[in-house]
Amino acid sequence: MRHTEFWARMERALGAAYCRTWADQMVLADLDRRTPQQALDAGVPPKQVWAAVWRSLELPDSER
């Protein structure tokens, strides 16, 4: 997964106006107590970050 696909999925899940704010503020245990943005900035693959977001938001399997 590329960063562009990650952000497209974030927009579908949370909306374009909110997804970047959520990614900057929501600390996830699955990302070693980092925000999704911090994890991406640290080099964590977008696919791994998305998996943590998906679990946190309890999205349907079709969004996996």
C-alpha atoms as a PDB file:
ATOM      1  CA  MET A   1       0.000   0.000   0.000  1.00  0.00           C
ATOM      2  CA  ARG A   2       1.266   3.474  -0.864  1.00  0.00           C
ATOM      3  CA  HIS A   3       0.746   6.578   1.199  1.00  0.00           C
ATOM      4  CA  THR A   4      -1.769   7.868  -1.347  1.00  0.00           C
ATOM      5  CA  GLU A   5      -3.942   4.785  -0.897  1.00  0.00           C
ATOM      6  CA  PHE A   6      -3.630   5.038   2.883  1.00  0.00           C
ATOM      7  CA  TRP A   7      -4.896   8.628   2.816  1.00  0.00           C
ATOM      8  CA  ALA A   8      -7.687   7.760   0.378  1.00  0.00           C
ATOM      9  CA  ARG A   9      -8.875   5.062   2.782  1.00  0.00           C
ATOM     10  CA  MET A  10      -8.631   7.478   5.696  1.00  0.00           C
ATOM     11  CA  GLU A  11     -10.789   9.961   3.792  1.00  0.00           C
ATOM     12  CA  ARG A  12     -13.402   7.287   3.061  1.00  0.00           C
ATOM     13  CA  ALA A  13     -13.468   6.220   6.707  1.00  0.00           C
ATOM     14  CA  LEU A  14     -13.410   9.628   8.403  1.00  0.00           C
ATOM     15  CA  GLY A  15     -14.037  12.250   5.758  1.00  0.00           C
ATOM     16  CA  ALA A  16     -11.594  14.591   4.077  1.00  0.00           C
ATOM     17  CA  ALA A  17     -12.064  17.358   6.643  1.00  0.00           C
ATOM     18  CA  TYR A  18     -11.328  15.162   9.672  1.00  0.00           C
ATOM     19  CA  CYS A  19      -8.963  12.362   8.675  1.00  0.00           C
ATOM     20  CA  ARG A  20      -5.713  14.367   8.926  1.00  0.00           C
ATOM     21  CA  THR A  21      -6.670  15.756  12.333  1.00  0.00           C
ATOM     22  CA  TRP A  22      -7.547  12.275  13.578  1.00  0.00           C
ATOM     23  CA  ALA A  23      -4.240  10.898  12.264  1.00  0.00           C
ATOM     24  CA  ASP A  24      -2.346  13.683  14.056  1.00  0.00           C
ATOM     25  CA  GLN A  25      -4.118  13.288  17.400  1.00  0.00           C
ATOM     26  CA  MET A  26      -5.244   9.681  17.934  1.00  0.00           C
ATOM     27  CA  VAL A  27      -2.629   7.658  19.813  1.00  0.00           C
ATOM     28  CA  LEU A  28      -2.922   3.939  19.059  1.00  0.00           C
ATOM     29  CA  ALA A  29      -1.503   1.171  21.235  1.00  0.00           C
ATOM     30  CA  ASP A  30      -1.037  -0.972  18.112  1.00  0.00           C
ATOM     31  CA  LEU A  31       1.413   1.645  16.827  1.00  0.00           C
ATOM     32  CA  ASP A  32       3.546   1.612  19.971  1.00  0.00           C
ATOM     33  CA  ARG A  33       1.590   4.521  21.492  1.00  0.00           C
ATOM     34  CA  ARG A  34       2.104   6.738  18.454  1.00  0.00           C
ATOM     35  CA  THR A  35      -0.365   8.526  16.245  1.00  0.00           C
ATOM     36  CA  PRO A  36      -0.823   7.224  12.709  1.00  0.00           C
ATOM     37  CA  GLN A  37       1.029  10.283  11.411  1.00  0.00           C
ATOM     38  CA  GLN A  38       3.949   9.721  13.793  1.00  0.00           C
ATOM     39  CA  ALA A  39       4.118   6.072  12.736  1.00  0.00           C
ATOM     40  CA  LEU A  40       4.185   7.007   9.050  1.00  0.00           C
ATOM     41  CA  ASP A  41       6.837   9.644   9.713  1.00  0.00           C
ATOM     42  CA  ALA A  42       8.915   7.016  11.540  1.00  0.00           C
ATOM     43  CA  GLY A  43       8.835   4.744   8.496  1.00  0.00           C
ATOM     44  CA  VAL A  44       6.153   2.271   9.527  1.00  0.00           C
ATOM     45  CA  PRO A  45       4.634   0.880   6.311  1.00  0.00           C
ATOM     46  CA  PRO A  46       1.254   2.429   5.454  1.00  0.00           C
ATOM     47  CA  LYS A  47      -0.310  -1.043   5.284  1.00  0.00           C
ATOM     48  CA  GLN A  48       0.655  -1.685   8.911  1.00  0.00           C
ATOM     49  CA  VAL A  49      -0.611   1.734   9.984  1.00  0.00           C
ATOM     50  CA  TRP A  50      -3.883   1.151   8.128  1.00  0.00           C
ATOM     51  CA  ALA A  51      -4.334  -2.199   9.893  1.00  0.00           C
ATOM     52  CA  ALA A  52      -4.049  -0.425  13.258  1.00  0.00           C
ATOM     53  CA  VAL A  53      -6.477   2.296  12.152  1.00  0.00           C
ATOM     54  CA  TRP A  54      -8.895  -0.322  10.816  1.00  0.00           C
ATOM     55  CA  ARG A  55      -8.901  -2.142  14.158  1.00  0.00           C
ATOM     56  CA  SER A  56      -9.236   1.069  16.142  1.00  0.00           C
ATOM     57  CA  LEU A  57     -12.199   2.297  14.117  1.00  0.00           C
ATOM     58  CA  GLU A  58     -13.769  -1.167  14.024  1.00  0.00           C
ATOM     59  CA  LEU A  59     -14.336  -0.862  10.310  1.00  0.00           C
ATOM     60  CA  PRO A  60     -16.015  -3.653   8.325  1.00  0.00           C
ATOM     61  CA  ASP A  61     -13.949  -6.424   6.767  1.00  0.00           C
ATOM     62  CA  SER A  62     -14.601  -4.906   3.336  1.00  0.00           C
ATOM     63  CA  GLU A  63     -12.378  -1.954   4.347  1.00  0.00           C
ATOM     64  CA  ARG A  64      -9.480  -4.143   5.412  1.00  0.00           C
END
